[in-house]
Amino acid sequence: SARFKAWVDLAGTLVFALPFCAVV
C-alpha cells in the first residue's frame, strides 16, 4: 500500500540515505 511504501521510504531515508550522505 502507499502508506507501507511511505513508511519504508521514510525509514530507509532516515536510517540509511541521509546518514550515508553525511558520512560521504
PDB file of all heavy atoms in Angstrom:
ATOM      1  N   SER A   1       0.847  -1.199   0.000  1.00  0.00           N
ATOM      2  CA  SER A   1       0.000   0.000   0.000  1.00  0.00           C
ATOM      3  C   SER A   1       0.885   1.253   0.000  1.00  0.00           C
ATOM      4  O   SER A   1       2.075   1.194   0.332  1.00  0.00           O
ATOM      5  CB  SER A   1      -0.887   0.012   1.245  1.00  0.00           C
ATOM      6  OG  SER A   1      -0.093   0.242   2.400  1.00  0.00           O
ATOM      7  N   ALA A   2       0.283   2.376  -0.330  1.00  0.00           N
ATOM      8  CA  ALA A   2       1.014   3.642  -0.367  1.00  0.00           C
ATOM      9  C   ALA A   2       1.546   4.003   1.026  1.00  0.00           C
ATOM     10  O   ALA A   2       2.655   4.526   1.155  1.00  0.00           O
ATOM     11  CB  ALA A   2       0.119   4.746  -0.895  1.00  0.00           C
ATOM     12  N   ARG A   3       0.780   3.721   2.068  1.00  0.00           N
ATOM     13  CA  ARG A   3       1.238   4.023   3.427  1.00  0.00           C
ATOM     14  C   ARG A   3       2.435   3.155   3.820  1.00  0.00           C
ATOM     15  O   ARG A   3       3.378   3.652   4.427  1.00  0.00           O
ATOM     16  CB  ARG A   3       0.097   3.835   4.433  1.00  0.00           C
ATOM     17  CG  ARG A   3      -0.954   4.926   4.319  1.00  0.00           C
ATOM     18  CD  ARG A   3      -2.003   4.843   5.416  1.00  0.00           C
ATOM     19  NE  ARG A   3      -1.500   5.058   6.760  1.00  0.00           N
ATOM     20  CZ  ARG A   3      -1.183   6.245   7.278  1.00  0.00           C
ATOM     21  NH1 ARG A   3      -1.292   7.327   6.542  1.00  0.00           N
ATOM     22  NH2 ARG A   3      -0.759   6.352   8.518  1.00  0.00           N
ATOM     23  N   PHE A   4       2.404   1.877   3.459  1.00  0.00           N
ATOM     24  CA  PHE A   4       3.541   0.999   3.764  1.00  0.00           C
ATOM     25  C   PHE A   4       4.781   1.487   3.020  1.00  0.00           C
ATOM     26  O   PHE A   4       5.867   1.566   3.592  1.00  0.00           O
ATOM     27  CB  PHE A   4       3.210  -0.449   3.377  1.00  0.00           C
ATOM     28  CG  PHE A   4       4.342  -1.399   3.632  1.00  0.00           C
ATOM     29  CD1 PHE A   4       4.561  -1.909   4.908  1.00  0.00           C
ATOM     30  CD2 PHE A   4       5.195  -1.788   2.606  1.00  0.00           C
ATOM     31  CE1 PHE A   4       5.611  -2.789   5.151  1.00  0.00           C
ATOM     32  CE2 PHE A   4       6.245  -2.659   2.848  1.00  0.00           C
ATOM     33  CZ  PHE A   4       6.457  -3.163   4.126  1.00  0.00           C
ATOM     34  N   LYS A   5       4.618   1.837   1.747  1.00  0.00           N
ATOM     35  CA  LYS A   5       5.742   2.362   0.959  1.00  0.00           C
ATOM     36  C   LYS A   5       6.292   3.639   1.585  1.00  0.00           C
ATOM     37  O   LYS A   5       7.503   3.841   1.641  1.00  0.00           O
ATOM     38  CB  LYS A   5       5.311   2.624  -0.478  1.00  0.00           C
ATOM     39  CG  LYS A   5       5.091   1.373  -1.290  1.00  0.00           C
ATOM     40  CD  LYS A   5       4.648   1.723  -2.700  1.00  0.00           C
ATOM     41  CE  LYS A   5       4.426   0.467  -3.526  1.00  0.00           C
ATOM     42  NZ  LYS A   5       3.988   0.780  -4.893  1.00  0.00           N
ATOM     43  N   ALA A   6       5.391   4.490   2.059  1.00  0.00           N
ATOM     44  CA  ALA A   6       5.828   5.733   2.692  1.00  0.00           C
ATOM     45  C   ALA A   6       6.642   5.444   3.955  1.00  0.00           C
ATOM     46  O   ALA A   6       7.666   6.084   4.201  1.00  0.00           O
ATOM     47  CB  ALA A   6       4.624   6.610   3.012  1.00  0.00           C
ATOM     48  N   TRP A   7       6.200   4.464   4.762  1.00  0.00           N
ATOM     49  CA  TRP A   7       6.954   4.080   5.961  1.00  0.00           C
ATOM     50  C   TRP A   7       8.335   3.532   5.588  1.00  0.00           C
ATOM     51  O   TRP A   7       9.338   3.884   6.210  1.00  0.00           O
ATOM     52  CB  TRP A   7       6.194   3.042   6.795  1.00  0.00           C
ATOM     53  CG  TRP A   7       5.185   3.638   7.716  1.00  0.00           C
ATOM     54  CD1 TRP A   7       3.829   3.492   7.658  1.00  0.00           C
ATOM     55  CD2 TRP A   7       5.442   4.485   8.836  1.00  0.00           C
ATOM     56  NE1 TRP A   7       3.228   4.194   8.663  1.00  0.00           N
ATOM     57  CE2 TRP A   7       4.202   4.825   9.416  1.00  0.00           C
ATOM     58  CE3 TRP A   7       6.603   5.010   9.400  1.00  0.00           C
ATOM     59  CZ2 TRP A   7       4.090   5.650  10.530  1.00  0.00           C
ATOM     60  CZ3 TRP A   7       6.492   5.829  10.519  1.00  0.00           C
ATOM     61  CH2 TRP A   7       5.254   6.140  11.063  1.00  0.00           C
ATOM     62  N   VAL A   8       8.367   2.669   4.584  1.00  0.00           N
ATOM     63  CA  VAL A   8       9.648   2.089   4.148  1.00  0.00           C
ATOM     64  C   VAL A   8      10.569   3.184   3.625  1.00  0.00           C
ATOM     65  O   VAL A   8      11.756   3.231   3.970  1.00  0.00           O
ATOM     66  CB  VAL A   8       9.416   0.998   3.078  1.00  0.00           C
ATOM     67  CG1 VAL A   8      10.724   0.572   2.433  1.00  0.00           C
ATOM     68  CG2 VAL A   8       8.710  -0.207   3.686  1.00  0.00           C
ATOM     69  N   ASP A   9      10.036   4.069   2.798  1.00  0.00           N
ATOM     70  CA  ASP A   9      10.845   5.157   2.247  1.00  0.00           C
ATOM     71  C   ASP A   9      11.359   6.083   3.342  1.00  0.00           C
ATOM     72  O   ASP A   9      12.526   6.485   3.340  1.00  0.00           O
ATOM     73  CB  ASP A   9      10.052   5.961   1.214  1.00  0.00           C
ATOM     74  CG  ASP A   9       9.799   5.185  -0.065  1.00  0.00           C
ATOM     75  OD1 ASP A   9      10.508   4.186  -0.315  1.00  0.00           O
ATOM     76  OD2 ASP A   9       8.896   5.586  -0.825  1.00  0.00           O
ATOM     77  N   LEU A  10      10.491   6.417   4.283  1.00  0.00           N
ATOM     78  CA  LEU A  10      10.887   7.302   5.383  1.00  0.00           C
ATOM     79  C   LEU A  10      11.963   6.648   6.241  1.00  0.00           C
ATOM     80  O   LEU A  10      12.994   7.266   6.536  1.00  0.00           O
ATOM     81  CB  LEU A  10       9.669   7.675   6.227  1.00  0.00           C
ATOM     82  CG  LEU A  10       9.932   8.630   7.390  1.00  0.00           C
ATOM     83  CD1 LEU A  10      10.511   9.952   6.898  1.00  0.00           C
ATOM     84  CD2 LEU A  10       8.650   8.853   8.184  1.00  0.00           C
ATOM     85  N   ALA A  11      11.739   5.405   6.617  1.00  0.00           N
ATOM     86  CA  ALA A  11      12.720   4.706   7.457  1.00  0.00           C
ATOM     87  C   ALA A  11      14.051   4.536   6.715  1.00  0.00           C
ATOM     88  O   ALA A  11      15.120   4.796   7.280  1.00  0.00           O
ATOM     89  CB  ALA A  11      12.174   3.344   7.881  1.00  0.00           C
ATOM     90  N   GLY A  12      13.982   4.127   5.456  1.00  0.00           N
ATOM     91  CA  GLY A  12      15.207   3.948   4.679  1.00  0.00           C
ATOM     92  C   GLY A  12      15.979   5.239   4.508  1.00  0.00           C
ATOM     93  O   GLY A  12      17.222   5.264   4.573  1.00  0.00           O
ATOM     94  N   THR A  13      15.253   6.311   4.323  1.00  0.00           N
ATOM     95  CA  THR A  13      15.900   7.614   4.158  1.00  0.00           C
ATOM     96  C   THR A  13      16.558   8.074   5.454  1.00  0.00           C
ATOM     97  O   THR A  13      17.712   8.509   5.449  1.00  0.00           O
ATOM     98  CB  THR A  13      14.863   8.659   3.690  1.00  0.00           C
ATOM     99  OG1 THR A  13      14.333   8.237   2.436  1.00  0.00           O
ATOM    100  CG2 THR A  13      15.489  10.020   3.528  1.00  0.00           C
ATOM    101  N   LEU A  14      15.814   7.969   6.560  1.00  0.00           N
ATOM    102  CA  LEU A  14      16.349   8.443   7.842  1.00  0.00           C
ATOM    103  C   LEU A  14      17.468   7.567   8.382  1.00  0.00           C
ATOM    104  O   LEU A  14      18.421   8.061   8.982  1.00  0.00           O
ATOM    105  CB  LEU A  14      15.220   8.543   8.872  1.00  0.00           C
ATOM    106  CG  LEU A  14      14.131   9.579   8.569  1.00  0.00           C
ATOM    107  CD1 LEU A  14      13.033   9.516   9.620  1.00  0.00           C
ATOM    108  CD2 LEU A  14      14.714  10.976   8.454  1.00  0.00           C
ATOM    109  N   VAL A  15      17.360   6.260   8.156  1.00  0.00           N
ATOM    110  CA  VAL A  15      18.342   5.333   8.725  1.00  0.00           C
ATOM    111  C   VAL A  15      19.555   5.136   7.818  1.00  0.00           C
ATOM    112  O   VAL A  15      20.681   4.999   8.299  1.00  0.00           O
ATOM    113  CB  VAL A  15      17.680   3.967   9.033  1.00  0.00           C
ATOM    114  CG1 VAL A  15      18.706   2.937   9.467  1.00  0.00           C
ATOM    115  CG2 VAL A  15      16.608   4.135  10.098  1.00  0.00           C
ATOM    116  N   PHE A  16      19.334   5.155   6.511  1.00  0.00           N
ATOM    117  CA  PHE A  16      20.428   4.849   5.590  1.00  0.00           C
ATOM    118  C   PHE A  16      20.872   6.036   4.723  1.00  0.00           C
ATOM    119  O   PHE A  16      22.041   6.415   4.734  1.00  0.00           O
ATOM    120  CB  PHE A  16      20.050   3.676   4.676  1.00  0.00           C
ATOM    121  CG  PHE A  16      19.803   2.403   5.419  1.00  0.00           C
ATOM    122  CD1 PHE A  16      18.532   1.871   5.505  1.00  0.00           C
ATOM    123  CD2 PHE A  16      20.834   1.734   6.054  1.00  0.00           C
ATOM    124  CE1 PHE A  16      18.289   0.703   6.193  1.00  0.00           C
ATOM    125  CE2 PHE A  16      20.617   0.566   6.758  1.00  0.00           C
ATOM    126  CZ  PHE A  16      19.333   0.042   6.828  1.00  0.00           C
ATOM    127  N   ALA A  17      19.960   6.594   3.942  1.00  0.00           N
ATOM    128  CA  ALA A  17      20.356   7.565   2.915  1.00  0.00           C
ATOM    129  C   ALA A  17      20.943   8.850   3.493  1.00  0.00           C
ATOM    130  O   ALA A  17      22.038   9.273   3.089  1.00  0.00           O
ATOM    131  CB  ALA A  17      19.168   7.877   2.008  1.00  0.00           C
ATOM    132  N   LEU A  18      20.223   9.497   4.396  1.00  0.00           N
ATOM    133  CA  LEU A  18      20.721  10.770   4.933  1.00  0.00           C
ATOM    134  C   LEU A  18      22.027  10.602   5.723  1.00  0.00           C
ATOM    135  O   LEU A  18      22.968  11.375   5.506  1.00  0.00           O
ATOM    136  CB  LEU A  18      19.635  11.459   5.767  1.00  0.00           C
ATOM    137  CG  LEU A  18      18.413  11.936   4.959  1.00  0.00           C
ATOM    138  CD1 LEU A  18      17.346  12.498   5.890  1.00  0.00           C
ATOM    139  CD2 LEU A  18      18.798  12.941   3.903  1.00  0.00           C
ATOM    140  N   PRO A  19      22.131   9.603   6.615  1.00  0.00           N
ATOM    141  CA  PRO A  19      23.427   9.405   7.285  1.00  0.00           C
ATOM    142  C   PRO A  19      24.552   9.067   6.303  1.00  0.00           C
ATOM    143  O   PRO A  19      25.683   9.527   6.467  1.00  0.00           O
ATOM    144  CB  PRO A  19      23.171   8.242   8.246  1.00  0.00           C
ATOM    145  CG  PRO A  19      21.703   8.263   8.484  1.00  0.00           C
ATOM    146  CD  PRO A  19      21.089   8.732   7.191  1.00  0.00           C
ATOM    147  N   PHE A  20      24.236   8.263   5.273  1.00  0.00           N
ATOM    148  CA  PHE A  20      25.243   7.926   4.272  1.00  0.00           C
ATOM    149  C   PHE A  20      25.757   9.193   3.586  1.00  0.00           C
ATOM    150  O   PHE A  20      26.967   9.369   3.410  1.00  0.00           O
ATOM    151  CB  PHE A  20      24.662   6.954   3.242  1.00  0.00           C
ATOM    152  CG  PHE A  20      25.549   6.716   2.058  1.00  0.00           C
ATOM    153  CD1 PHE A  20      26.676   5.918   2.165  1.00  0.00           C
ATOM    154  CD2 PHE A  20      25.269   7.302   0.830  1.00  0.00           C
ATOM    155  CE1 PHE A  20      27.509   5.707   1.078  1.00  0.00           C
ATOM    156  CE2 PHE A  20      26.090   7.094  -0.266  1.00  0.00           C
ATOM    157  CZ  PHE A  20      27.213   6.297  -0.140  1.00  0.00           C
ATOM    158  N   CYS A  21      24.856  10.072   3.205  1.00  0.00           N
ATOM    159  CA  CYS A  21      25.254  11.318   2.547  1.00  0.00           C
ATOM    160  C   CYS A  21      26.132  12.160   3.467  1.00  0.00           C
ATOM    161  O   CYS A  21      27.124  12.754   3.018  1.00  0.00           O
ATOM    162  CB  CYS A  21      24.026  12.120   2.119  1.00  0.00           C
ATOM    163  SG  CYS A  21      23.080  11.337   0.801  1.00  0.00           S
ATOM    164  N   ALA A  22      25.780  12.212   4.733  1.00  0.00           N
ATOM    165  CA  ALA A  22      26.580  12.974   5.698  1.00  0.00           C
ATOM    166  C   ALA A  22      27.976  12.387   5.842  1.00  0.00           C
ATOM    167  O   ALA A  22      28.971  13.121   5.852  1.00  0.00           O
ATOM    168  CB  ALA A  22      25.868  13.015   7.047  1.00  0.00           C
ATOM    169  N   VAL A  23      28.059  11.074   5.915  1.00  0.00           N
ATOM    170  CA  VAL A  23      29.368  10.421   6.042  1.00  0.00           C
ATOM    171  C   VAL A  23      30.211  10.659   4.787  1.00  0.00           C
ATOM    172  O   VAL A  23      31.409  10.969   4.882  1.00  0.00           O
ATOM    173  CB  VAL A  23      29.207   8.908   6.325  1.00  0.00           C
ATOM    174  CG1 VAL A  23      30.518   8.167   6.148  1.00  0.00           C
ATOM    175  CG2 VAL A  23      28.653   8.686   7.722  1.00  0.00           C
ATOM    176  N   VAL A  24      29.594  10.536   3.617  1.00  0.00           N
ATOM    177  CA  VAL A  24      30.336  10.783   2.373  1.00  0.00           C
ATOM    178  C   VAL A  24      30.860  12.221   2.360  1.00  0.00           C
ATOM    179  O   VAL A  24      32.031  12.464   2.052  1.00  0.00           O
ATOM    180  CB  VAL A  24      29.459  10.512   1.126  1.00  0.00           C
ATOM    181  CG1 VAL A  24      30.121  11.033  -0.138  1.00  0.00           C
ATOM    182  CG2 VAL A  24      29.166   9.024   0.992  1.00  0.00           C
TER     183      VAL A  24
END
